[in-house]
Amino acid sequence: MGYKILGRRGSFLLRNFVSSTAYWLGISPKPSEYGKEEGISALVISYNDNDWLEPSLLSVNDLVEEYIVIDSSTDDTLKLLKEIKKTYGLNMKIIYTPPGNVVRARNLGLKHISYKWVLIWDPDFIAMDHMPRYLKELLNLLSPERYYLIYWPHICLDGDLFHCKPGRLYHIEHWLFTWSPEAKYFAKGRGIGSLLAPLKLYKPIFIREPLSFHLRTVRDPVKLLYKKYWKILRARNMTHKYKLEDFVK
């Protein structure tokens, strides 16, 4: 609600003021108090998302120290995850949870984070070549005693690798943030949820240039169809009555 009233700029100004005041007064716990290692954990939520899974994970391999994958797939995505982990020697934890609740999946993933920074990285995100170096240099400039929400735009691609949906060229969120036990996801309408990051802790940083791509609908059309009907099933509160396969039929 506050974001809608203030807008992104107003929200950033408020966050900056409150978090900076709390920091200078010394009333906020320091990130170092939680014993997380220096580095970045990629938090990946997967549900039958194997179209771009391998290039997506590998595109941030030079940036992250570990992958926390919360998988709810019913197809061969889990098998592919294990193959990618073995082939490239990735530090990857794969945890299964029943499908249908992304908020629960994200919060489950946060409990398994080993490193100080959390990168939200879906299986249809692809990093630009310069993103790992850019973010590492940025993190080295930030105070190790403060918490940050780092925003940047994904370029959204729809249909194929050459087209953007008119009216929504970018997807902007806080894709990277400092881990804290107080940061949790909560349900927001029928969407995938939002991160509840306390004002007293988190200072926002906005990177204007795109660092990555979101391949929203660049995938198997049958999977897109199933995704569409899954959203309809949830919107009608009928998940307890039908399995997705039966509903689609």
C-alpha atoms as a PDB file:
ATOM      1  CA  MET A   1       0.000   0.000   0.000  1.00  0.00           C
ATOM      2  CA  GLY A   2       2.795   2.419   0.925  1.00  0.00           C
ATOM      3  CA  TYR A   3       4.549   1.791  -2.378  1.00  0.00           C
ATOM      4  CA  LYS A   4       1.375   2.605  -4.349  1.00  0.00           C
ATOM      5  CA  ILE A   5       0.898   5.880  -2.456  1.00  0.00           C
ATOM      6  CA  LEU A   6       4.503   7.083  -2.512  1.00  0.00           C
ATOM      7  CA  GLY A   7       5.661   5.599  -5.808  1.00  0.00           C
ATOM      8  CA  ARG A   8       9.078   4.000  -6.251  1.00  0.00           C
ATOM      9  CA  ARG A   9      11.014   7.247  -5.779  1.00  0.00           C
ATOM     10  CA  GLY A  10       9.104   8.225  -2.633  1.00  0.00           C
ATOM     11  CA  SER A  11       9.449   4.701  -1.239  1.00  0.00           C
ATOM     12  CA  PHE A  12      13.206   4.785  -1.847  1.00  0.00           C
ATOM     13  CA  LEU A  13      13.543   8.162  -0.092  1.00  0.00           C
ATOM     14  CA  LEU A  14      11.567   6.904   2.910  1.00  0.00           C
ATOM     15  CA  ARG A  15      13.589   3.697   3.120  1.00  0.00           C
ATOM     16  CA  ASN A  16      16.854   5.581   2.851  1.00  0.00           C
ATOM     17  CA  PHE A  17      15.893   7.987   5.645  1.00  0.00           C
ATOM     18  CA  VAL A  18      14.544   5.373   8.074  1.00  0.00           C
ATOM     19  CA  SER A  19      17.306   2.784   7.526  1.00  0.00           C
ATOM     20  CA  SER A  20      20.068   5.406   7.714  1.00  0.00           C
ATOM     21  CA  THR A  21      18.634   6.856  10.929  1.00  0.00           C
ATOM     22  CA  ALA A  22      18.383   3.402  12.511  1.00  0.00           C
ATOM     23  CA  TYR A  23      21.937   2.611  11.412  1.00  0.00           C
ATOM     24  CA  TRP A  24      23.476   5.784  12.829  1.00  0.00           C
ATOM     25  CA  LEU A  25      21.559   5.353  16.093  1.00  0.00           C
ATOM     26  CA  GLY A  26      22.896   1.807  16.338  1.00  0.00           C
ATOM     27  CA  ILE A  27      19.482   0.223  16.902  1.00  0.00           C
ATOM     28  CA  SER A  28      19.695  -2.306  14.065  1.00  0.00           C
ATOM     29  CA  PRO A  29      21.559  -5.623  14.238  1.00  0.00           C
ATOM     30  CA  LYS A  30      24.536  -5.867  11.886  1.00  0.00           C
ATOM     31  CA  PRO A  31      24.571  -8.472   9.080  1.00  0.00           C
ATOM     32  CA  SER A  32      27.801  -9.927  10.507  1.00  0.00           C
ATOM     33  CA  GLU A  33      25.944 -10.963  13.667  1.00  0.00           C
ATOM     34  CA  TYR A  34      24.196 -13.813  11.828  1.00  0.00           C
ATOM     35  CA  GLY A  35      27.328 -15.685  10.789  1.00  0.00           C
ATOM     36  CA  LYS A  36      26.608 -15.794   7.060  1.00  0.00           C
ATOM     37  CA  GLU A  37      29.649 -16.213   4.816  1.00  0.00           C
ATOM     38  CA  GLU A  38      30.685 -13.439   2.441  1.00  0.00           C
ATOM     39  CA  GLY A  39      29.228 -14.213  -0.961  1.00  0.00           C
ATOM     40  CA  ILE A  40      25.968 -14.671  -2.848  1.00  0.00           C
ATOM     41  CA  SER A  41      23.378 -17.440  -2.770  1.00  0.00           C
ATOM     42  CA  ALA A  42      21.103 -17.777  -5.810  1.00  0.00           C
ATOM     43  CA  LEU A  43      17.544 -18.626  -4.760  1.00  0.00           C
ATOM     44  CA  VAL A  44      15.813 -20.474  -7.615  1.00  0.00           C
ATOM     45  CA  ILE A  45      12.157 -21.550  -7.627  1.00  0.00           C
ATOM     46  CA  SER A  46      11.445 -24.119 -10.343  1.00  0.00           C
ATOM     47  CA  TYR A  47       8.216 -25.701 -11.525  1.00  0.00           C
ATOM     48  CA  ASN A  48       8.468 -27.567 -14.842  1.00  0.00           C
ATOM     49  CA  ASP A  49      10.909 -24.896 -16.032  1.00  0.00           C
ATOM     50  CA  ASN A  50      13.536 -26.706 -18.067  1.00  0.00           C
ATOM     51  CA  ASP A  51      13.436 -24.670 -21.314  1.00  0.00           C
ATOM     52  CA  TRP A  52      16.165 -22.235 -20.220  1.00  0.00           C
ATOM     53  CA  LEU A  53      17.270 -23.836 -16.961  1.00  0.00           C
ATOM     54  CA  GLU A  54      20.865 -24.667 -17.927  1.00  0.00           C
ATOM     55  CA  PRO A  55      21.828 -21.320 -19.538  1.00  0.00           C
ATOM     56  CA  SER A  56      19.992 -19.484 -16.758  1.00  0.00           C
ATOM     57  CA  LEU A  57      21.972 -21.141 -13.963  1.00  0.00           C
ATOM     58  CA  LEU A  58      25.284 -20.966 -15.796  1.00  0.00           C
ATOM     59  CA  SER A  59      24.863 -17.269 -16.620  1.00  0.00           C
ATOM     60  CA  VAL A  60      25.399 -16.424 -12.911  1.00  0.00           C
ATOM     61  CA  ASN A  61      27.972 -19.123 -12.187  1.00  0.00           C
ATOM     62  CA  ASP A  62      30.734 -16.495 -11.942  1.00  0.00           C
ATOM     63  CA  LEU A  63      28.645 -14.428  -9.532  1.00  0.00           C
ATOM     64  CA  VAL A  64      27.227 -16.824  -6.923  1.00  0.00           C
ATOM     65  CA  GLU A  65      28.800 -19.215  -4.441  1.00  0.00           C
ATOM     66  CA  GLU A  66      25.809 -21.531  -4.159  1.00  0.00           C
ATOM     67  CA  TYR A  67      22.412 -22.321  -5.645  1.00  0.00           C
ATOM     68  CA  ILE A  68      19.399 -23.014  -3.447  1.00  0.00           C
ATOM     69  CA  VAL A  69      16.815 -24.606  -5.753  1.00  0.00           C
ATOM     70  CA  ILE A  70      13.303 -25.155  -4.440  1.00  0.00           C
ATOM     71  CA  ASP A  71      11.728 -27.502  -6.966  1.00  0.00           C
ATOM     72  CA  SER A  72       8.071 -28.494  -7.327  1.00  0.00           C
ATOM     73  CA  SER A  73       8.269 -30.030 -10.791  1.00  0.00           C
ATOM     74  CA  THR A  74       6.224 -32.925 -12.101  1.00  0.00           C
ATOM     75  CA  ASP A  75       8.231 -33.346 -15.322  1.00  0.00           C
ATOM     76  CA  ASP A  76      11.951 -34.080 -15.865  1.00  0.00           C
ATOM     77  CA  THR A  77      13.184 -30.744 -14.425  1.00  0.00           C
ATOM     78  CA  LEU A  78      14.552 -32.420 -11.294  1.00  0.00           C
ATOM     79  CA  LYS A  79      16.542 -34.882 -13.424  1.00  0.00           C
ATOM     80  CA  LEU A  80      17.970 -31.992 -15.454  1.00  0.00           C
ATOM     81  CA  LEU A  81      18.889 -30.097 -12.280  1.00  0.00           C
ATOM     82  CA  LYS A  82      20.890 -33.063 -11.030  1.00  0.00           C
ATOM     83  CA  GLU A  83      22.620 -33.422 -14.396  1.00  0.00           C
ATOM     84  CA  ILE A  84      23.579 -29.746 -14.464  1.00  0.00           C
ATOM     85  CA  LYS A  85      24.845 -29.921 -10.892  1.00  0.00           C
ATOM     86  CA  LYS A  86      27.028 -32.940 -11.681  1.00  0.00           C
ATOM     87  CA  THR A  87      28.245 -31.820 -15.118  1.00  0.00           C
ATOM     88  CA  TYR A  88      29.386 -28.359 -14.011  1.00  0.00           C
ATOM     89  CA  GLY A  89      30.268 -29.164 -10.398  1.00  0.00           C
ATOM     90  CA  LEU A  90      27.865 -26.570  -9.022  1.00  0.00           C
ATOM     91  CA  ASN A  91      27.397 -26.021  -5.298  1.00  0.00           C
ATOM     92  CA  MET A  92      23.666 -26.708  -5.408  1.00  0.00           C
ATOM     93  CA  LYS A  93      21.096 -27.686  -2.790  1.00  0.00           C
ATOM     94  CA  ILE A  94      17.911 -29.102  -4.329  1.00  0.00           C
ATOM     95  CA  ILE A  95      14.885 -29.135  -2.031  1.00  0.00           C
ATOM     96  CA  TYR A  96      11.457 -30.431  -3.006  1.00  0.00           C
ATOM     97  CA  THR A  97       8.193 -28.818  -1.926  1.00  0.00           C
ATOM     98  CA  PRO A  98       4.657 -29.490  -3.232  1.00  0.00           C
ATOM     99  CA  PRO A  99       3.599 -27.151  -6.056  1.00  0.00           C
ATOM    100  CA  GLY A 100       1.181 -24.279  -5.751  1.00  0.00           C
ATOM    101  CA  ASN A 101       2.672 -21.911  -3.165  1.00  0.00           C
ATOM    102  CA  VAL A 102       5.556 -19.733  -4.356  1.00  0.00           C
ATOM    103  CA  VAL A 103       5.585 -17.685  -1.136  1.00  0.00           C
ATOM    104  CA  ARG A 104       6.111 -20.823   0.921  1.00  0.00           C
ATOM    105  CA  ALA A 105       8.821 -21.972  -1.497  1.00  0.00           C
ATOM    106  CA  ARG A 106      10.731 -18.673  -1.310  1.00  0.00           C
ATOM    107  CA  ASN A 107      10.590 -18.591   2.491  1.00  0.00           C
ATOM    108  CA  LEU A 108      11.754 -22.200   2.598  1.00  0.00           C
ATOM    109  CA  GLY A 109      14.682 -21.232   0.390  1.00  0.00           C
ATOM    110  CA  LEU A 110      15.623 -18.320   2.668  1.00  0.00           C
ATOM    111  CA  LYS A 111      16.018 -20.772   5.560  1.00  0.00           C
ATOM    112  CA  HIS A 112      18.762 -22.608   3.642  1.00  0.00           C
ATOM    113  CA  ILE A 113      20.815 -19.587   2.570  1.00  0.00           C
ATOM    114  CA  SER A 114      24.495 -19.890   3.540  1.00  0.00           C
ATOM    115  CA  TYR A 115      25.784 -16.549   2.276  1.00  0.00           C
ATOM    116  CA  LYS A 116      25.261 -12.891   3.090  1.00  0.00           C
ATOM    117  CA  TRP A 117      23.567 -11.924  -0.155  1.00  0.00           C
ATOM    118  CA  VAL A 118      20.470 -13.436  -1.790  1.00  0.00           C
ATOM    119  CA  LEU A 119      20.025 -13.335  -5.566  1.00  0.00           C
ATOM    120  CA  ILE A 120      16.468 -14.051  -6.731  1.00  0.00           C
ATOM    121  CA  TRP A 121      17.017 -15.979  -9.946  1.00  0.00           C
ATOM    122  CA  ASP A 122      14.162 -17.700 -11.762  1.00  0.00           C
ATOM    123  CA  PRO A 123      14.826 -20.379 -14.419  1.00  0.00           C
ATOM    124  CA  ASP A 124      13.839 -17.965 -17.204  1.00  0.00           C
ATOM    125  CA  PHE A 125      16.315 -15.229 -16.184  1.00  0.00           C
ATOM    126  CA  ILE A 126      19.540 -14.856 -18.188  1.00  0.00           C
ATOM    127  CA  ALA A 127      22.361 -12.577 -17.008  1.00  0.00           C
ATOM    128  CA  MET A 128      24.118 -10.278 -19.436  1.00  0.00           C
ATOM    129  CA  ASP A 129      27.824 -10.989 -19.807  1.00  0.00           C
ATOM    130  CA  HIS A 130      28.905  -7.999 -17.715  1.00  0.00           C
ATOM    131  CA  MET A 131      26.453  -8.554 -14.842  1.00  0.00           C
ATOM    132  CA  PRO A 132      28.668 -10.711 -12.541  1.00  0.00           C
ATOM    133  CA  ARG A 133      31.608  -8.297 -12.708  1.00  0.00           C
ATOM    134  CA  TYR A 134      29.364  -5.238 -12.355  1.00  0.00           C
ATOM    135  CA  LEU A 135      27.602  -6.532  -9.233  1.00  0.00           C
ATOM    136  CA  LYS A 136      30.796  -7.786  -7.581  1.00  0.00           C
ATOM    137  CA  GLU A 137      32.386  -4.368  -8.008  1.00  0.00           C
ATOM    138  CA  LEU A 138      29.285  -2.712  -6.580  1.00  0.00           C
ATOM    139  CA  LEU A 139      29.135  -4.960  -3.515  1.00  0.00           C
ATOM    140  CA  ASN A 140      32.788  -4.222  -2.763  1.00  0.00           C
ATOM    141  CA  LEU A 141      31.900  -0.527  -2.490  1.00  0.00           C
ATOM    142  CA  LEU A 142      29.034  -1.010  -0.030  1.00  0.00           C
ATOM    143  CA  SER A 143      29.268  -0.932   3.750  1.00  0.00           C
ATOM    144  CA  PRO A 144      29.480  -4.473   5.164  1.00  0.00           C
ATOM    145  CA  GLU A 145      27.489  -3.310   8.198  1.00  0.00           C
ATOM    146  CA  ARG A 146      24.324  -2.297   6.343  1.00  0.00           C
ATOM    147  CA  TYR A 147      21.447  -4.048   4.578  1.00  0.00           C
ATOM    148  CA  TYR A 148      20.599  -3.316   0.953  1.00  0.00           C
ATOM    149  CA  LEU A 149      17.874  -3.934  -1.603  1.00  0.00           C
ATOM    150  CA  ILE A 150      19.453  -3.738  -5.060  1.00  0.00           C
ATOM    151  CA  TYR A 151      17.071  -3.102  -7.955  1.00  0.00           C
ATOM    152  CA  TRP A 152      17.696  -3.282 -11.686  1.00  0.00           C
ATOM    153  CA  PRO A 153      15.633  -3.871 -14.845  1.00  0.00           C
ATOM    154  CA  HIS A 154      15.310  -7.195 -16.601  1.00  0.00           C
ATOM    155  CA  ILE A 155      14.617  -6.750 -20.306  1.00  0.00           C
ATOM    156  CA  CYS A 156      11.428  -8.753 -20.907  1.00  0.00           C
ATOM    157  CA  LEU A 157      11.323 -10.900 -24.040  1.00  0.00           C
ATOM    158  CA  ASP A 158       8.073 -12.396 -25.286  1.00  0.00           C
ATOM    159  CA  GLY A 159       7.381 -14.992 -27.958  1.00  0.00           C
ATOM    160  CA  ASP A 160      10.987 -15.246 -29.106  1.00  0.00           C
ATOM    161  CA  LEU A 161      14.379 -13.693 -28.446  1.00  0.00           C
ATOM    162  CA  PHE A 162      13.688 -10.576 -30.542  1.00  0.00           C
ATOM    163  CA  HIS A 163      10.387  -9.126 -29.273  1.00  0.00           C
ATOM    164  CA  CYS A 164       9.202  -7.248 -26.195  1.00  0.00           C
ATOM    165  CA  LYS A 165       5.593  -6.949 -25.119  1.00  0.00           C
ATOM    166  CA  PRO A 166       4.402  -3.354 -25.706  1.00  0.00           C
ATOM    167  CA  GLY A 167       3.873  -1.561 -22.417  1.00  0.00           C
ATOM    168  CA  ARG A 168       6.083  -3.858 -20.400  1.00  0.00           C
ATOM    169  CA  LEU A 169       9.634  -3.706 -21.679  1.00  0.00           C
ATOM    170  CA  TYR A 170      11.218  -4.101 -18.246  1.00  0.00           C
ATOM    171  CA  HIS A 171      10.708  -6.091 -15.070  1.00  0.00           C
ATOM    172  CA  ILE A 172      12.143  -4.162 -12.123  1.00  0.00           C
ATOM    173  CA  GLU A 173      12.454  -5.648  -8.651  1.00  0.00           C
ATOM    174  CA  HIS A 174      15.024  -5.939  -5.853  1.00  0.00           C
ATOM    175  CA  TRP A 175      16.756  -8.966  -7.371  1.00  0.00           C
ATOM    176  CA  LEU A 176      19.644  -8.886  -4.882  1.00  0.00           C
ATOM    177  CA  PHE A 177      19.380  -8.194  -1.155  1.00  0.00           C
ATOM    178  CA  THR A 178      21.211  -8.725   2.125  1.00  0.00           C
ATOM    179  CA  TRP A 179      19.958 -11.757   4.030  1.00  0.00           C
ATOM    180  CA  SER A 180      18.174 -11.085   7.316  1.00  0.00           C
ATOM    181  CA  PRO A 181      15.915 -13.309   9.453  1.00  0.00           C
ATOM    182  CA  GLU A 182      13.429 -10.419   9.375  1.00  0.00           C
ATOM    183  CA  ALA A 183      13.095 -10.468   5.586  1.00  0.00           C
ATOM    184  CA  LYS A 184      10.217 -12.744   4.578  1.00  0.00           C
ATOM    185  CA  TYR A 185       7.898 -13.191   1.631  1.00  0.00           C
ATOM    186  CA  PHE A 186       4.157 -12.737   2.109  1.00  0.00           C
ATOM    187  CA  ALA A 187       1.169 -13.412  -0.103  1.00  0.00           C
ATOM    188  CA  LYS A 188       0.065 -10.469  -2.222  1.00  0.00           C
ATOM    189  CA  GLY A 189      -3.206 -11.091  -4.034  1.00  0.00           C
ATOM    190  CA  ARG A 190      -2.936 -14.144  -6.269  1.00  0.00           C
ATOM    191  CA  GLY A 191       0.592 -13.300  -7.415  1.00  0.00           C
ATOM    192  CA  ILE A 192       3.920 -14.788  -6.410  1.00  0.00           C
ATOM    193  CA  GLY A 193       4.173 -12.661  -3.279  1.00  0.00           C
ATOM    194  CA  SER A 194       6.341  -9.756  -2.195  1.00  0.00           C
ATOM    195  CA  LEU A 195       9.383  -9.434   0.030  1.00  0.00           C
ATOM    196  CA  LEU A 196       8.636  -7.825   3.380  1.00  0.00           C
ATOM    197  CA  ALA A 197      11.905  -6.024   4.101  1.00  0.00           C
ATOM    198  CA  PRO A 198      11.826  -3.889   7.280  1.00  0.00           C
ATOM    199  CA  LEU A 199      12.218  -0.136   6.678  1.00  0.00           C
ATOM    200  CA  LYS A 200      14.606   0.165   9.613  1.00  0.00           C
ATOM    201  CA  LEU A 201      17.076  -2.205   7.946  1.00  0.00           C
ATOM    202  CA  TYR A 202      17.104  -1.887   4.191  1.00  0.00           C
ATOM    203  CA  LYS A 203      18.649   0.889   2.116  1.00  0.00           C
ATOM    204  CA  PRO A 204      17.597   0.746  -1.576  1.00  0.00           C
ATOM    205  CA  ILE A 205      19.987   0.999  -4.506  1.00  0.00           C
ATOM    206  CA  PHE A 206      18.619   1.431  -8.015  1.00  0.00           C
ATOM    207  CA  ILE A 207      20.708   0.436 -11.025  1.00  0.00           C
ATOM    208  CA  ARG A 208      19.236   2.102 -14.096  1.00  0.00           C
ATOM    209  CA  GLU A 209      20.841  -0.002 -16.788  1.00  0.00           C
ATOM    210  CA  PRO A 210      19.469  -3.494 -17.534  1.00  0.00           C
ATOM    211  CA  LEU A 211      21.700  -6.319 -16.341  1.00  0.00           C
ATOM    212  CA  SER A 212      19.666  -9.326 -17.434  1.00  0.00           C
ATOM    213  CA  PHE A 213      16.845 -10.755 -19.541  1.00  0.00           C
ATOM    214  CA  HIS A 214      13.519 -12.243 -18.484  1.00  0.00           C
ATOM    215  CA  LEU A 215      12.424 -14.765 -21.109  1.00  0.00           C
ATOM    216  CA  ARG A 216       8.805 -14.624 -19.981  1.00  0.00           C
ATOM    217  CA  THR A 217       7.085 -16.440 -22.828  1.00  0.00           C
ATOM    218  CA  VAL A 218      10.076 -17.690 -24.821  1.00  0.00           C
ATOM    219  CA  ARG A 219       9.310 -21.320 -24.167  1.00  0.00           C
ATOM    220  CA  ASP A 220       7.303 -24.370 -25.178  1.00  0.00           C
ATOM    221  CA  PRO A 221       3.729 -23.203 -26.028  1.00  0.00           C
ATOM    222  CA  VAL A 222       2.202 -26.260 -24.336  1.00  0.00           C
ATOM    223  CA  LYS A 223       3.902 -25.274 -21.086  1.00  0.00           C
ATOM    224  CA  LEU A 224       2.578 -21.749 -21.487  1.00  0.00           C
ATOM    225  CA  LEU A 225      -0.910 -23.171 -21.875  1.00  0.00           C
ATOM    226  CA  TYR A 226      -0.573 -25.216 -18.689  1.00  0.00           C
ATOM    227  CA  LYS A 227       0.770 -22.177 -16.848  1.00  0.00           C
ATOM    228  CA  LYS A 228      -2.231 -20.135 -17.991  1.00  0.00           C
ATOM    229  CA  TYR A 229      -4.731 -22.751 -16.782  1.00  0.00           C
ATOM    230  CA  TRP A 230      -2.885 -23.180 -13.504  1.00  0.00           C
ATOM    231  CA  LYS A 231      -3.422 -19.462 -12.836  1.00  0.00           C
ATOM    232  CA  ILE A 232      -7.125 -19.812 -13.727  1.00  0.00           C
ATOM    233  CA  LEU A 233      -7.432 -22.814 -11.408  1.00  0.00           C
ATOM    234  CA  ARG A 234      -5.937 -20.826  -8.538  1.00  0.00           C
ATOM    235  CA  ALA A 235      -7.976 -17.699  -9.309  1.00  0.00           C
ATOM    236  CA  ARG A 236     -11.175 -19.738  -9.040  1.00  0.00           C
ATOM    237  CA  ASN A 237     -10.012 -21.383  -5.787  1.00  0.00           C
ATOM    238  CA  MET A 238     -10.517 -24.811  -7.347  1.00  0.00           C
ATOM    239  CA  THR A 239      -7.119 -26.395  -6.646  1.00  0.00           C
ATOM    240  CA  HIS A 240      -8.714 -28.631  -4.029  1.00  0.00           C
ATOM    241  CA  LYS A 241     -11.244 -29.948  -6.565  1.00  0.00           C
ATOM    242  CA  TYR A 242      -9.116 -30.605  -9.647  1.00  0.00           C
ATOM    243  CA  LYS A 243      -5.660 -31.759 -10.526  1.00  0.00           C
ATOM    244  CA  LEU A 244      -4.120 -29.528 -13.174  1.00  0.00           C
ATOM    245  CA  GLU A 245      -4.078 -32.302 -15.792  1.00  0.00           C
ATOM    246  CA  ASP A 246      -7.797 -32.942 -15.315  1.00  0.00           C
ATOM    247  CA  PHE A 247      -8.636 -29.247 -15.400  1.00  0.00           C
ATOM    248  CA  VAL A 248      -6.727 -28.703 -18.653  1.00  0.00           C
ATOM    249  CA  LYS A 249      -8.492 -31.685 -20.253  1.00  0.00           C
END
